[in-house]
Amino acid sequence: MNAPIRPVPTPSRLPHLLMLALIAALAGALAYQMLTGPGGGEGAPPAGLAAVYPQPRPLPDIALIAHDGTPFGRERLRGHYTLLFMGYTHCPDVCPTTLVELAAAHRALSTLPPALQPAVVLMSVDPARDTPAVLAGYVTHFDPSFTGLSGTAEALQAWARALGGVYTPEAPHDGAYGVDHSAALFLIDASARLLAVYPASLSAAALAADYTRLVRARSGAR
C-alpha cells in the first residue's frame, strides 16, 4: 500500500528552511575550503558537486532502530557506501521529492560493482510520529531496499550533530506540526566515516553521475 503524503499547515516553514539551507551552504563551503586548502586535499578527487572531506571524518556509534525493528548501530554502515538523508513521513515537499530522486539515482547506480553501490537511509527527524512501522510503509514505497531509521529524540539529535545536520520541530498548529531540517545528502564510506556532503535538490542524473565519479576516483576503478 502506498504511504500517503500528508501536507501540514506550516506558514512559517519556508523562511526557516531557507535560513537552514543558507547556513548549511555557507558552513559546507567554509568547511570545504578549510579542509582542502588552495590546492585541494592530498589524494582528493577532482572538484564535483559534493563538499568532500580529504580525510573522511570518523562518526560516533549510534543506537537507532531500523524500520524492520532491528537495532541499527555504526557497524551496519560498514562494508558499503551509504547516502543518508534527514527527513520525516509527514514532510509535504522536500522529503518525498528527494526520495523520488534518490530512488531513480539508486536504480541508475545498480550497474556499478556491488562494492560501490550505495545503501540509502532516511533518518527520521520526527521520532514522535515516525515509529519503525510507519517508516516501513513509507521508505519502501520509494524503493524496497531503502532503510528508515527512528530512535529516541536524544539519539537522533546526537547523530544529526555528528553529521553536521540540524532539525527543529515547529510549534503545533491545530494539532499538526512540521519539522525544519537540513536537506543535504550525507555520503558515508565503507568504514562508517563521513566522506562528503551533497547539496539539496540534486537531480537523480546529477547525483548518480557525481557519485560515480567520486567513488570510482577513491577506489581507483574505471
N, C-alpha and C. Protein backbone atom coordinates (compact mmCIF):
# COMPACT_ATOMS: atom_id res chain seq x y z
N MET A 1 0.85 -1.20 0.00
CA MET A 1 0.00 0.00 0.00
C MET A 1 0.88 1.25 0.00
N ASN A 2 0.56 2.20 -0.84
CA ASN A 2 1.34 3.42 -0.92
C ASN A 2 1.11 4.27 0.32
N ALA A 3 2.16 4.75 0.91
CA ALA A 3 2.02 5.60 2.07
C ALA A 3 1.56 6.97 1.63
N PRO A 4 0.52 7.55 2.27
CA PRO A 4 0.03 8.87 1.86
C PRO A 4 1.02 9.95 2.21
N ILE A 5 1.08 10.95 1.38
CA ILE A 5 1.89 12.14 1.66
C ILE A 5 0.94 13.20 2.18
N ARG A 6 1.08 13.52 3.46
CA ARG A 6 0.10 14.40 4.11
C ARG A 6 0.66 15.80 4.26
N PRO A 7 0.08 16.81 3.58
CA PRO A 7 0.56 18.18 3.77
C PRO A 7 0.26 18.67 5.18
N VAL A 8 1.12 19.52 5.69
CA VAL A 8 0.95 20.06 7.02
C VAL A 8 0.89 21.58 6.92
N PRO A 9 -0.08 22.23 7.57
CA PRO A 9 -0.16 23.68 7.50
C PRO A 9 0.94 24.32 8.33
N THR A 10 1.98 24.77 7.67
CA THR A 10 3.10 25.39 8.38
C THR A 10 3.48 26.69 7.70
N PRO A 11 2.78 27.80 8.00
CA PRO A 11 3.01 29.04 7.29
C PRO A 11 4.41 29.61 7.45
N SER A 12 5.11 29.27 8.56
CA SER A 12 6.44 29.84 8.76
C SER A 12 7.55 28.94 8.25
N ARG A 13 7.21 27.86 7.62
CA ARG A 13 8.19 26.82 7.27
C ARG A 13 9.20 27.29 6.23
N LEU A 14 8.76 28.02 5.21
CA LEU A 14 9.66 28.40 4.13
C LEU A 14 10.80 29.28 4.61
N PRO A 15 10.54 30.35 5.40
CA PRO A 15 11.68 31.15 5.86
C PRO A 15 12.67 30.33 6.68
N HIS A 16 12.16 29.43 7.53
CA HIS A 16 13.05 28.60 8.33
C HIS A 16 13.92 27.72 7.45
N LEU A 17 13.31 27.11 6.43
CA LEU A 17 14.07 26.22 5.56
C LEU A 17 15.11 26.99 4.75
N LEU A 18 14.73 28.19 4.30
CA LEU A 18 15.69 29.00 3.56
C LEU A 18 16.87 29.37 4.42
N MET A 19 16.60 29.71 5.69
CA MET A 19 17.69 30.05 6.59
C MET A 19 18.59 28.84 6.84
N LEU A 20 17.97 27.68 7.06
CA LEU A 20 18.75 26.47 7.27
C LEU A 20 19.59 26.14 6.04
N ALA A 21 18.98 26.28 4.86
CA ALA A 21 19.71 25.98 3.62
C ALA A 21 20.89 26.93 3.45
N LEU A 22 20.68 28.21 3.76
CA LEU A 22 21.77 29.17 3.63
C LEU A 22 22.89 28.87 4.61
N ILE A 23 22.52 28.59 5.88
CA ILE A 23 23.53 28.26 6.88
C ILE A 23 24.31 27.03 6.47
N ALA A 24 23.59 26.00 6.00
CA ALA A 24 24.24 24.75 5.60
C ALA A 24 25.19 24.98 4.44
N ALA A 25 24.74 25.79 3.46
CA ALA A 25 25.58 26.05 2.29
C ALA A 25 26.85 26.80 2.67
N LEU A 26 26.70 27.83 3.52
CA LEU A 26 27.87 28.60 3.94
C LEU A 26 28.82 27.76 4.77
N ALA A 27 28.24 26.97 5.70
CA ALA A 27 29.08 26.13 6.55
C ALA A 27 29.81 25.08 5.72
N GLY A 28 29.09 24.50 4.76
CA GLY A 28 29.72 23.48 3.91
C GLY A 28 30.85 24.07 3.08
N ALA A 29 30.62 25.24 2.51
CA ALA A 29 31.65 25.87 1.69
C ALA A 29 32.87 26.23 2.54
N LEU A 30 32.63 26.77 3.74
CA LEU A 30 33.74 27.15 4.60
C LEU A 30 34.53 25.92 5.04
N ALA A 31 33.79 24.87 5.43
CA ALA A 31 34.47 23.64 5.87
C ALA A 31 35.31 23.06 4.74
N TYR A 32 34.75 23.09 3.54
CA TYR A 32 35.49 22.53 2.40
C TYR A 32 36.78 23.31 2.14
N GLN A 33 36.68 24.64 2.21
CA GLN A 33 37.87 25.46 1.97
C GLN A 33 38.92 25.23 3.05
N MET A 34 38.46 25.12 4.31
CA MET A 34 39.40 24.93 5.41
C MET A 34 40.06 23.55 5.33
N LEU A 35 39.29 22.57 4.89
CA LEU A 35 39.82 21.21 4.84
C LEU A 35 40.74 20.99 3.65
N THR A 36 40.39 21.58 2.52
CA THR A 36 41.15 21.30 1.30
C THR A 36 42.31 22.25 1.09
N GLY A 37 42.15 23.50 1.49
CA GLY A 37 43.20 24.47 1.22
C GLY A 37 43.19 24.86 -0.25
N PRO A 38 44.12 25.71 -0.68
CA PRO A 38 44.11 26.22 -2.04
C PRO A 38 44.25 25.15 -3.10
N GLY A 39 45.00 24.09 -2.81
CA GLY A 39 45.25 23.10 -3.85
C GLY A 39 44.44 21.84 -3.72
N GLY A 40 43.49 21.83 -2.77
CA GLY A 40 42.73 20.61 -2.53
C GLY A 40 43.52 19.67 -1.63
N GLY A 41 42.81 18.77 -0.96
CA GLY A 41 43.46 17.86 -0.03
C GLY A 41 44.30 16.83 -0.76
N GLU A 42 45.24 16.25 -0.05
CA GLU A 42 46.09 15.22 -0.63
C GLU A 42 45.24 14.03 -1.02
N GLY A 43 45.34 13.62 -2.26
CA GLY A 43 44.55 12.48 -2.72
C GLY A 43 43.10 12.80 -2.97
N ALA A 44 42.72 14.07 -2.89
CA ALA A 44 41.32 14.43 -3.09
C ALA A 44 40.94 14.25 -4.55
N PRO A 45 39.70 13.80 -4.82
CA PRO A 45 39.26 13.64 -6.20
C PRO A 45 39.01 15.00 -6.83
N PRO A 46 38.87 15.07 -8.14
CA PRO A 46 38.59 16.33 -8.81
C PRO A 46 37.32 16.97 -8.26
N ALA A 47 37.26 18.29 -8.31
CA ALA A 47 36.10 19.00 -7.78
C ALA A 47 34.83 18.55 -8.48
N GLY A 48 33.78 18.40 -7.71
CA GLY A 48 32.50 17.99 -8.25
C GLY A 48 31.38 18.70 -7.50
N LEU A 49 30.25 18.05 -7.40
CA LEU A 49 29.09 18.66 -6.77
C LEU A 49 29.15 18.61 -5.25
N ALA A 50 29.87 17.63 -4.68
CA ALA A 50 29.89 17.43 -3.24
C ALA A 50 31.03 18.19 -2.59
N ALA A 51 30.82 18.57 -1.32
CA ALA A 51 31.91 19.04 -0.48
C ALA A 51 32.55 17.80 0.14
N VAL A 52 33.78 17.50 -0.25
CA VAL A 52 34.43 16.24 0.11
C VAL A 52 35.48 16.47 1.19
N TYR A 53 35.45 15.64 2.21
CA TYR A 53 36.50 15.68 3.23
C TYR A 53 37.72 14.93 2.70
N PRO A 54 38.87 15.58 2.56
CA PRO A 54 40.07 14.87 2.11
C PRO A 54 40.41 13.70 3.03
N GLN A 55 40.21 13.90 4.33
CA GLN A 55 40.33 12.82 5.29
C GLN A 55 38.93 12.56 5.85
N PRO A 56 38.29 11.45 5.47
CA PRO A 56 36.91 11.19 5.94
C PRO A 56 36.82 11.29 7.46
N ARG A 57 35.71 11.84 7.92
CA ARG A 57 35.55 12.14 9.34
C ARG A 57 34.93 10.96 10.08
N PRO A 58 35.60 10.42 11.10
CA PRO A 58 35.02 9.31 11.86
C PRO A 58 33.71 9.73 12.51
N LEU A 59 32.78 8.81 12.56
CA LEU A 59 31.47 9.09 13.16
C LEU A 59 31.32 8.28 14.44
N PRO A 60 30.61 8.81 15.42
CA PRO A 60 30.39 8.06 16.66
C PRO A 60 29.42 6.92 16.44
N ASP A 61 29.39 6.00 17.38
CA ASP A 61 28.42 4.92 17.29
C ASP A 61 27.02 5.48 17.49
N ILE A 62 26.04 4.76 16.99
CA ILE A 62 24.65 5.19 17.10
C ILE A 62 23.82 4.04 17.66
N ALA A 63 22.73 4.39 18.29
CA ALA A 63 21.81 3.38 18.83
C ALA A 63 20.42 3.73 18.34
N LEU A 64 20.18 3.42 17.06
CA LEU A 64 18.89 3.71 16.45
C LEU A 64 18.18 2.40 16.12
N ILE A 65 17.00 2.52 15.53
CA ILE A 65 16.19 1.35 15.20
C ILE A 65 15.80 1.42 13.72
N ALA A 66 16.08 0.36 12.98
CA ALA A 66 15.69 0.30 11.57
C ALA A 66 14.19 0.06 11.45
N HIS A 67 13.66 0.30 10.26
CA HIS A 67 12.21 0.20 10.08
C HIS A 67 11.69 -1.23 10.24
N ASP A 68 12.59 -2.22 10.21
CA ASP A 68 12.15 -3.60 10.43
C ASP A 68 12.22 -3.98 11.91
N GLY A 69 12.52 -3.01 12.77
CA GLY A 69 12.54 -3.25 14.19
C GLY A 69 13.87 -3.71 14.75
N THR A 70 14.89 -3.87 13.90
CA THR A 70 16.19 -4.34 14.37
C THR A 70 17.07 -3.17 14.79
N PRO A 71 17.99 -3.40 15.73
CA PRO A 71 18.91 -2.33 16.14
C PRO A 71 19.79 -1.90 14.97
N PHE A 72 20.08 -0.63 14.92
CA PHE A 72 20.92 -0.08 13.86
C PHE A 72 22.03 0.72 14.52
N GLY A 73 23.26 0.16 14.48
CA GLY A 73 24.43 0.85 15.01
C GLY A 73 25.42 1.14 13.90
N ARG A 74 26.54 1.69 14.28
CA ARG A 74 27.56 2.09 13.29
C ARG A 74 28.04 0.92 12.45
N GLU A 75 28.07 -0.28 13.04
CA GLU A 75 28.56 -1.45 12.30
C GLU A 75 27.73 -1.72 11.05
N ARG A 76 26.46 -1.34 11.07
CA ARG A 76 25.63 -1.58 9.90
C ARG A 76 25.91 -0.61 8.76
N LEU A 77 26.76 0.37 9.01
CA LEU A 77 27.19 1.28 7.96
C LEU A 77 28.48 0.82 7.29
N ARG A 78 29.12 -0.20 7.84
CA ARG A 78 30.40 -0.65 7.32
C ARG A 78 30.21 -1.60 6.13
N GLY A 79 31.21 -1.60 5.25
CA GLY A 79 31.22 -2.54 4.14
C GLY A 79 30.56 -2.05 2.88
N HIS A 80 30.03 -0.84 2.90
CA HIS A 80 29.36 -0.29 1.71
C HIS A 80 29.24 1.21 1.89
N TYR A 81 29.04 1.90 0.80
CA TYR A 81 28.74 3.33 0.87
C TYR A 81 27.28 3.52 1.27
N THR A 82 26.99 4.66 1.90
CA THR A 82 25.62 4.98 2.31
C THR A 82 25.31 6.43 1.97
N LEU A 83 24.17 6.66 1.36
CA LEU A 83 23.63 8.00 1.18
C LEU A 83 22.54 8.18 2.22
N LEU A 84 22.75 9.10 3.15
CA LEU A 84 21.81 9.31 4.25
C LEU A 84 21.14 10.66 4.10
N PHE A 85 19.83 10.66 4.31
CA PHE A 85 19.02 11.87 4.19
C PHE A 85 18.19 12.02 5.46
N MET A 86 18.12 13.24 5.98
CA MET A 86 17.29 13.52 7.15
C MET A 86 15.92 13.99 6.68
N GLY A 87 14.85 13.38 7.20
CA GLY A 87 13.51 13.77 6.79
C GLY A 87 12.47 13.14 7.69
N TYR A 88 11.21 13.19 7.25
CA TYR A 88 10.14 12.62 8.07
C TYR A 88 8.92 12.34 7.19
N THR A 89 8.06 11.46 7.67
CA THR A 89 6.98 10.95 6.82
C THR A 89 5.87 11.96 6.57
N HIS A 90 5.71 12.96 7.46
CA HIS A 90 4.69 13.98 7.25
C HIS A 90 5.19 15.16 6.42
N CYS A 91 6.43 15.10 5.98
CA CYS A 91 7.01 16.19 5.19
C CYS A 91 6.24 16.36 3.89
N PRO A 92 5.77 17.57 3.59
CA PRO A 92 4.90 17.75 2.42
C PRO A 92 5.62 17.94 1.10
N ASP A 93 6.91 18.20 1.10
CA ASP A 93 7.53 18.57 -0.18
C ASP A 93 8.94 18.03 -0.37
N VAL A 94 9.92 18.58 0.37
CA VAL A 94 11.31 18.24 0.07
C VAL A 94 11.63 16.76 0.30
N CYS A 95 11.01 16.14 1.30
CA CYS A 95 11.34 14.73 1.59
C CYS A 95 10.86 13.78 0.50
N PRO A 96 9.58 13.80 0.13
CA PRO A 96 9.17 12.89 -0.95
C PRO A 96 9.87 13.18 -2.26
N THR A 97 10.10 14.46 -2.56
CA THR A 97 10.81 14.80 -3.80
C THR A 97 12.23 14.24 -3.79
N THR A 98 12.92 14.40 -2.67
CA THR A 98 14.29 13.88 -2.57
C THR A 98 14.31 12.37 -2.66
N LEU A 99 13.36 11.71 -2.03
CA LEU A 99 13.33 10.25 -2.06
C LEU A 99 13.02 9.72 -3.45
N VAL A 100 12.21 10.42 -4.20
CA VAL A 100 11.96 10.04 -5.59
C VAL A 100 13.27 10.12 -6.39
N GLU A 101 14.01 11.21 -6.21
CA GLU A 101 15.28 11.36 -6.92
C GLU A 101 16.29 10.31 -6.45
N LEU A 102 16.31 10.03 -5.15
CA LEU A 102 17.22 9.00 -4.64
C LEU A 102 16.88 7.63 -5.21
N ALA A 103 15.60 7.34 -5.35
CA ALA A 103 15.20 6.05 -5.92
C ALA A 103 15.67 5.93 -7.36
N ALA A 104 15.52 7.00 -8.13
CA ALA A 104 15.96 6.98 -9.52
C ALA A 104 17.49 6.88 -9.59
N ALA A 105 18.20 7.61 -8.72
CA ALA A 105 19.65 7.52 -8.71
C ALA A 105 20.11 6.12 -8.31
N HIS A 106 19.42 5.53 -7.35
CA HIS A 106 19.77 4.18 -6.89
C HIS A 106 19.64 3.18 -8.03
N ARG A 107 18.59 3.32 -8.83
CA ARG A 107 18.44 2.42 -9.98
C ARG A 107 19.56 2.64 -10.99
N ALA A 108 19.92 3.90 -11.21
CA ALA A 108 20.98 4.20 -12.17
C ALA A 108 22.33 3.65 -11.70
N LEU A 109 22.53 3.60 -10.39
CA LEU A 109 23.82 3.14 -9.84
C LEU A 109 23.89 1.63 -9.69
N SER A 110 22.84 0.93 -10.06
CA SER A 110 22.82 -0.52 -9.90
C SER A 110 23.79 -1.21 -10.86
N THR A 111 24.32 -0.48 -11.84
CA THR A 111 25.29 -1.07 -12.78
C THR A 111 26.72 -0.99 -12.25
N LEU A 112 26.94 -0.28 -11.14
CA LEU A 112 28.27 -0.22 -10.55
C LEU A 112 28.63 -1.57 -9.93
N PRO A 113 29.92 -1.83 -9.72
CA PRO A 113 30.30 -3.02 -8.96
C PRO A 113 29.60 -3.01 -7.61
N PRO A 114 29.21 -4.17 -7.10
CA PRO A 114 28.46 -4.21 -5.83
C PRO A 114 29.11 -3.43 -4.69
N ALA A 115 30.43 -3.45 -4.61
CA ALA A 115 31.13 -2.77 -3.52
C ALA A 115 30.98 -1.25 -3.60
N LEU A 116 30.62 -0.73 -4.77
CA LEU A 116 30.50 0.71 -4.95
C LEU A 116 29.05 1.19 -4.91
N GLN A 117 28.09 0.28 -4.91
CA GLN A 117 26.69 0.68 -4.89
C GLN A 117 26.30 1.14 -3.49
N PRO A 118 25.54 2.26 -3.39
CA PRO A 118 25.22 2.78 -2.06
C PRO A 118 23.94 2.19 -1.49
N ALA A 119 23.92 2.07 -0.17
CA ALA A 119 22.66 1.90 0.54
C ALA A 119 22.05 3.29 0.70
N VAL A 120 20.74 3.36 0.82
CA VAL A 120 20.06 4.64 1.01
C VAL A 120 19.29 4.58 2.33
N VAL A 121 19.51 5.59 3.17
CA VAL A 121 18.92 5.60 4.51
C VAL A 121 18.20 6.93 4.73
N LEU A 122 16.97 6.85 5.21
CA LEU A 122 16.25 8.03 5.68
C LEU A 122 16.27 8.01 7.20
N MET A 123 16.88 9.01 7.80
CA MET A 123 16.88 9.15 9.26
C MET A 123 15.77 10.11 9.65
N SER A 124 14.81 9.64 10.42
CA SER A 124 13.68 10.48 10.78
C SER A 124 14.10 11.60 11.72
N VAL A 125 13.49 12.76 11.52
CA VAL A 125 13.67 13.88 12.45
C VAL A 125 12.37 14.12 13.22
N ASP A 126 11.50 13.12 13.22
CA ASP A 126 10.19 13.23 13.87
C ASP A 126 9.90 11.94 14.63
N PRO A 127 10.68 11.64 15.69
CA PRO A 127 10.53 10.36 16.36
C PRO A 127 9.18 10.15 17.02
N ALA A 128 8.48 11.23 17.34
CA ALA A 128 7.18 11.09 18.00
C ALA A 128 6.16 10.41 17.09
N ARG A 129 6.25 10.67 15.80
CA ARG A 129 5.28 10.08 14.85
C ARG A 129 5.87 8.98 14.00
N ASP A 130 7.18 9.03 13.75
CA ASP A 130 7.80 8.07 12.83
C ASP A 130 8.30 6.83 13.58
N THR A 131 7.38 5.97 13.93
CA THR A 131 7.77 4.69 14.51
C THR A 131 8.37 3.81 13.41
N PRO A 132 9.05 2.73 13.78
CA PRO A 132 9.56 1.82 12.75
C PRO A 132 8.46 1.33 11.80
N ALA A 133 7.28 1.03 12.34
CA ALA A 133 6.20 0.54 11.47
C ALA A 133 5.76 1.60 10.47
N VAL A 134 5.69 2.85 10.90
CA VAL A 134 5.31 3.94 9.99
C VAL A 134 6.38 4.12 8.92
N LEU A 135 7.65 4.10 9.33
CA LEU A 135 8.74 4.25 8.37
C LEU A 135 8.78 3.10 7.37
N ALA A 136 8.43 1.90 7.84
CA ALA A 136 8.45 0.74 6.94
C ALA A 136 7.52 0.93 5.76
N GLY A 137 6.33 1.47 6.00
CA GLY A 137 5.40 1.70 4.91
C GLY A 137 5.79 2.87 4.03
N TYR A 138 6.60 3.77 4.57
CA TYR A 138 6.96 4.98 3.84
C TYR A 138 8.19 4.77 2.95
N VAL A 139 9.30 4.35 3.53
CA VAL A 139 10.54 4.28 2.74
C VAL A 139 10.46 3.21 1.65
N THR A 140 9.80 2.09 1.95
CA THR A 140 9.72 1.03 0.94
C THR A 140 8.78 1.38 -0.20
N HIS A 141 7.95 2.39 -0.01
CA HIS A 141 7.12 2.90 -1.11
C HIS A 141 8.00 3.46 -2.23
N PHE A 142 9.13 4.05 -1.85
CA PHE A 142 10.03 4.64 -2.84
C PHE A 142 11.00 3.61 -3.41
N ASP A 143 11.50 2.72 -2.58
CA ASP A 143 12.39 1.65 -3.03
C ASP A 143 12.41 0.59 -1.93
N PRO A 144 12.15 -0.67 -2.27
CA PRO A 144 12.12 -1.71 -1.24
C PRO A 144 13.43 -1.88 -0.49
N SER A 145 14.54 -1.43 -1.08
CA SER A 145 15.84 -1.60 -0.42
C SER A 145 16.16 -0.48 0.56
N PHE A 146 15.40 0.61 0.55
CA PHE A 146 15.69 1.75 1.42
C PHE A 146 15.48 1.37 2.89
N THR A 147 16.23 2.02 3.76
CA THR A 147 16.12 1.80 5.19
C THR A 147 15.65 3.08 5.88
N GLY A 148 14.69 2.95 6.77
CA GLY A 148 14.25 4.06 7.60
C GLY A 148 14.77 3.89 9.01
N LEU A 149 15.22 4.98 9.63
CA LEU A 149 15.75 4.92 10.99
C LEU A 149 14.95 5.81 11.93
N SER A 150 14.63 5.25 13.07
CA SER A 150 14.00 6.03 14.13
C SER A 150 14.79 5.80 15.41
N GLY A 151 14.32 6.36 16.51
CA GLY A 151 15.01 6.21 17.78
C GLY A 151 14.55 7.27 18.75
N THR A 152 15.27 7.43 19.83
CA THR A 152 14.92 8.47 20.79
C THR A 152 15.30 9.83 20.22
N ALA A 153 14.63 10.87 20.73
CA ALA A 153 14.94 12.22 20.28
C ALA A 153 16.40 12.56 20.56
N GLU A 154 16.92 12.10 21.69
CA GLU A 154 18.31 12.39 22.06
C GLU A 154 19.29 11.73 21.10
N ALA A 155 19.03 10.46 20.76
CA ALA A 155 19.94 9.75 19.86
C ALA A 155 19.92 10.36 18.46
N LEU A 156 18.74 10.72 17.98
CA LEU A 156 18.64 11.30 16.64
C LEU A 156 19.32 12.66 16.58
N GLN A 157 19.12 13.48 17.61
CA GLN A 157 19.77 14.79 17.62
C GLN A 157 21.29 14.64 17.68
N ALA A 158 21.78 13.68 18.47
CA ALA A 158 23.22 13.47 18.57
C ALA A 158 23.81 13.04 17.23
N TRP A 159 23.10 12.16 16.52
CA TRP A 159 23.59 11.70 15.22
C TRP A 159 23.53 12.81 14.19
N ALA A 160 22.46 13.63 14.25
CA ALA A 160 22.37 14.77 13.33
C ALA A 160 23.55 15.71 13.54
N ARG A 161 23.87 16.00 14.79
CA ARG A 161 25.01 16.89 15.07
C ARG A 161 26.32 16.29 14.57
N ALA A 162 26.49 14.98 14.74
CA ALA A 162 27.72 14.34 14.28
C ALA A 162 27.89 14.47 12.77
N LEU A 163 26.78 14.44 12.05
CA LEU A 163 26.82 14.58 10.59
C LEU A 163 26.98 16.03 10.15
N GLY A 164 26.67 16.96 11.04
CA GLY A 164 26.67 18.36 10.68
C GLY A 164 25.31 18.86 10.23
N GLY A 165 24.26 18.10 10.52
CA GLY A 165 22.91 18.50 10.16
C GLY A 165 22.17 19.09 11.35
N VAL A 166 21.05 19.73 11.06
CA VAL A 166 20.21 20.32 12.11
C VAL A 166 18.75 20.06 11.79
N TYR A 167 17.94 20.00 12.83
CA TYR A 167 16.49 19.98 12.63
C TYR A 167 15.80 20.54 13.86
N THR A 168 14.64 21.18 13.62
CA THR A 168 13.89 21.83 14.69
C THR A 168 12.40 21.66 14.44
N PRO A 169 11.66 21.00 15.35
CA PRO A 169 10.20 20.91 15.20
C PRO A 169 9.57 22.29 15.34
N GLU A 170 8.55 22.55 14.55
CA GLU A 170 7.81 23.80 14.66
C GLU A 170 6.75 23.69 15.75
N ALA A 171 6.23 24.82 16.17
CA ALA A 171 5.14 24.82 17.13
C ALA A 171 3.89 24.22 16.48
N PRO A 172 3.15 23.37 17.19
CA PRO A 172 1.95 22.76 16.61
C PRO A 172 0.93 23.81 16.19
N HIS A 173 0.23 23.51 15.10
CA HIS A 173 -0.84 24.37 14.59
C HIS A 173 -2.06 23.49 14.35
N ASP A 174 -3.10 23.69 15.14
CA ASP A 174 -4.29 22.85 15.06
C ASP A 174 -3.94 21.36 15.21
N GLY A 175 -3.00 21.09 16.09
CA GLY A 175 -2.63 19.71 16.36
C GLY A 175 -1.60 19.12 15.42
N ALA A 176 -1.24 19.83 14.36
CA ALA A 176 -0.24 19.34 13.41
C ALA A 176 1.00 20.21 13.50
N TYR A 177 2.10 19.69 13.01
CA TYR A 177 3.34 20.46 13.04
C TYR A 177 4.28 19.94 11.95
N GLY A 178 5.17 20.81 11.55
CA GLY A 178 6.22 20.42 10.62
C GLY A 178 7.56 20.40 11.34
N VAL A 179 8.58 20.00 10.62
CA VAL A 179 9.95 19.97 11.17
C VAL A 179 10.88 20.60 10.15
N ASP A 180 11.51 21.69 10.53
CA ASP A 180 12.55 22.28 9.67
C ASP A 180 13.81 21.43 9.81
N HIS A 181 14.42 21.07 8.68
CA HIS A 181 15.58 20.19 8.76
C HIS A 181 16.53 20.40 7.59
N SER A 182 17.79 20.05 7.81
CA SER A 182 18.76 20.07 6.73
C SER A 182 18.32 19.13 5.62
N ALA A 183 18.48 19.57 4.39
CA ALA A 183 18.05 18.75 3.25
C ALA A 183 19.23 18.22 2.44
N ALA A 184 20.43 18.32 3.00
CA ALA A 184 21.61 17.80 2.31
C ALA A 184 21.61 16.27 2.33
N LEU A 185 22.44 15.69 1.47
CA LEU A 185 22.67 14.25 1.46
C LEU A 185 24.07 13.99 2.02
N PHE A 186 24.15 13.10 2.99
CA PHE A 186 25.42 12.78 3.63
C PHE A 186 25.94 11.46 3.07
N LEU A 187 27.15 11.49 2.51
CA LEU A 187 27.75 10.29 1.95
C LEU A 187 28.73 9.70 2.96
N ILE A 188 28.45 8.48 3.39
CA ILE A 188 29.25 7.77 4.38
C ILE A 188 30.00 6.64 3.68
N ASP A 189 31.30 6.51 3.98
CA ASP A 189 32.08 5.49 3.27
C ASP A 189 31.96 4.12 3.94
N ALA A 190 32.67 3.15 3.39
CA ALA A 190 32.53 1.77 3.86
C ALA A 190 33.16 1.52 5.22
N SER A 191 33.86 2.52 5.75
CA SER A 191 34.41 2.43 7.10
C SER A 191 33.59 3.23 8.10
N ALA A 192 32.38 3.57 7.72
CA ALA A 192 31.45 4.33 8.58
C ALA A 192 32.01 5.70 8.94
N ARG A 193 32.61 6.36 7.94
CA ARG A 193 33.13 7.71 8.11
C ARG A 193 32.42 8.65 7.15
N LEU A 194 32.22 9.89 7.59
CA LEU A 194 31.58 10.89 6.73
C LEU A 194 32.58 11.30 5.65
N LEU A 195 32.23 11.03 4.41
CA LEU A 195 33.13 11.29 3.28
C LEU A 195 32.81 12.60 2.58
N ALA A 196 31.52 12.90 2.40
CA ALA A 196 31.15 14.07 1.61
C ALA A 196 29.72 14.48 1.94
N VAL A 197 29.39 15.70 1.56
CA VAL A 197 28.04 16.23 1.74
C VAL A 197 27.57 16.79 0.41
N TYR A 198 26.43 16.30 -0.05
CA TYR A 198 25.84 16.80 -1.29
C TYR A 198 24.79 17.86 -0.97
N PRO A 199 24.71 18.91 -1.78
CA PRO A 199 23.69 19.93 -1.55
C PRO A 199 22.30 19.40 -1.83
N ALA A 200 21.31 20.11 -1.34
CA ALA A 200 19.91 19.72 -1.55
C ALA A 200 19.51 19.93 -3.00
N SER A 201 18.41 19.26 -3.37
CA SER A 201 17.73 19.48 -4.65
C SER A 201 18.55 19.06 -5.87
N LEU A 202 19.38 18.03 -5.74
CA LEU A 202 20.07 17.49 -6.90
C LEU A 202 19.14 16.58 -7.68
N SER A 203 19.26 16.59 -9.00
CA SER A 203 18.51 15.64 -9.80
C SER A 203 19.14 14.26 -9.67
N ALA A 204 18.37 13.22 -9.97
CA ALA A 204 18.89 11.86 -9.92
C ALA A 204 20.08 11.69 -10.85
N ALA A 205 19.99 12.26 -12.04
CA ALA A 205 21.07 12.11 -13.01
C ALA A 205 22.36 12.78 -12.52
N ALA A 206 22.23 13.99 -11.96
CA ALA A 206 23.41 14.69 -11.47
C ALA A 206 24.03 13.96 -10.29
N LEU A 207 23.18 13.48 -9.38
CA LEU A 207 23.69 12.76 -8.22
C LEU A 207 24.38 11.47 -8.63
N ALA A 208 23.75 10.70 -9.50
CA ALA A 208 24.33 9.43 -9.92
C ALA A 208 25.67 9.64 -10.62
N ALA A 209 25.74 10.64 -11.49
CA ALA A 209 26.99 10.89 -12.22
C ALA A 209 28.10 11.33 -11.28
N ASP A 210 27.79 12.23 -10.35
CA ASP A 210 28.83 12.73 -9.47
C ASP A 210 29.24 11.67 -8.44
N TYR A 211 28.28 10.92 -7.93
CA TYR A 211 28.60 9.83 -7.01
C TYR A 211 29.53 8.81 -7.69
N THR A 212 29.21 8.46 -8.92
CA THR A 212 30.04 7.50 -9.66
C THR A 212 31.46 8.03 -9.81
N ARG A 213 31.58 9.29 -10.19
CA ARG A 213 32.90 9.91 -10.34
C ARG A 213 33.67 9.85 -9.03
N LEU A 214 33.00 10.17 -7.94
CA LEU A 214 33.67 10.25 -6.64
C LEU A 214 34.13 8.89 -6.15
N VAL A 215 33.24 7.90 -6.16
CA VAL A 215 33.62 6.60 -5.60
C VAL A 215 34.61 5.87 -6.51
N ARG A 216 34.51 6.07 -7.80
CA ARG A 216 35.49 5.45 -8.70
C ARG A 216 36.86 6.08 -8.49
N ALA A 217 36.91 7.39 -8.26
CA ALA A 217 38.19 8.05 -8.02
C ALA A 217 38.82 7.53 -6.73
N ARG A 218 38.02 7.29 -5.72
CA ARG A 218 38.54 6.80 -4.44
C ARG A 218 38.98 5.35 -4.52
N SER A 219 38.28 4.56 -5.32
CA SER A 219 38.58 3.14 -5.38
C SER A 219 39.62 2.80 -6.45
N GLY A 220 39.88 3.77 -7.35
CA GLY A 220 40.78 3.50 -8.44
C GLY A 220 40.16 2.70 -9.55
N ALA A 221 38.82 2.51 -9.49
CA ALA A 221 38.12 1.75 -10.53
C ALA A 221 37.89 2.61 -11.74
N ARG A 222 37.68 1.94 -12.87
CA ARG A 222 37.38 2.65 -14.11
C ARG A 222 35.98 2.30 -14.59
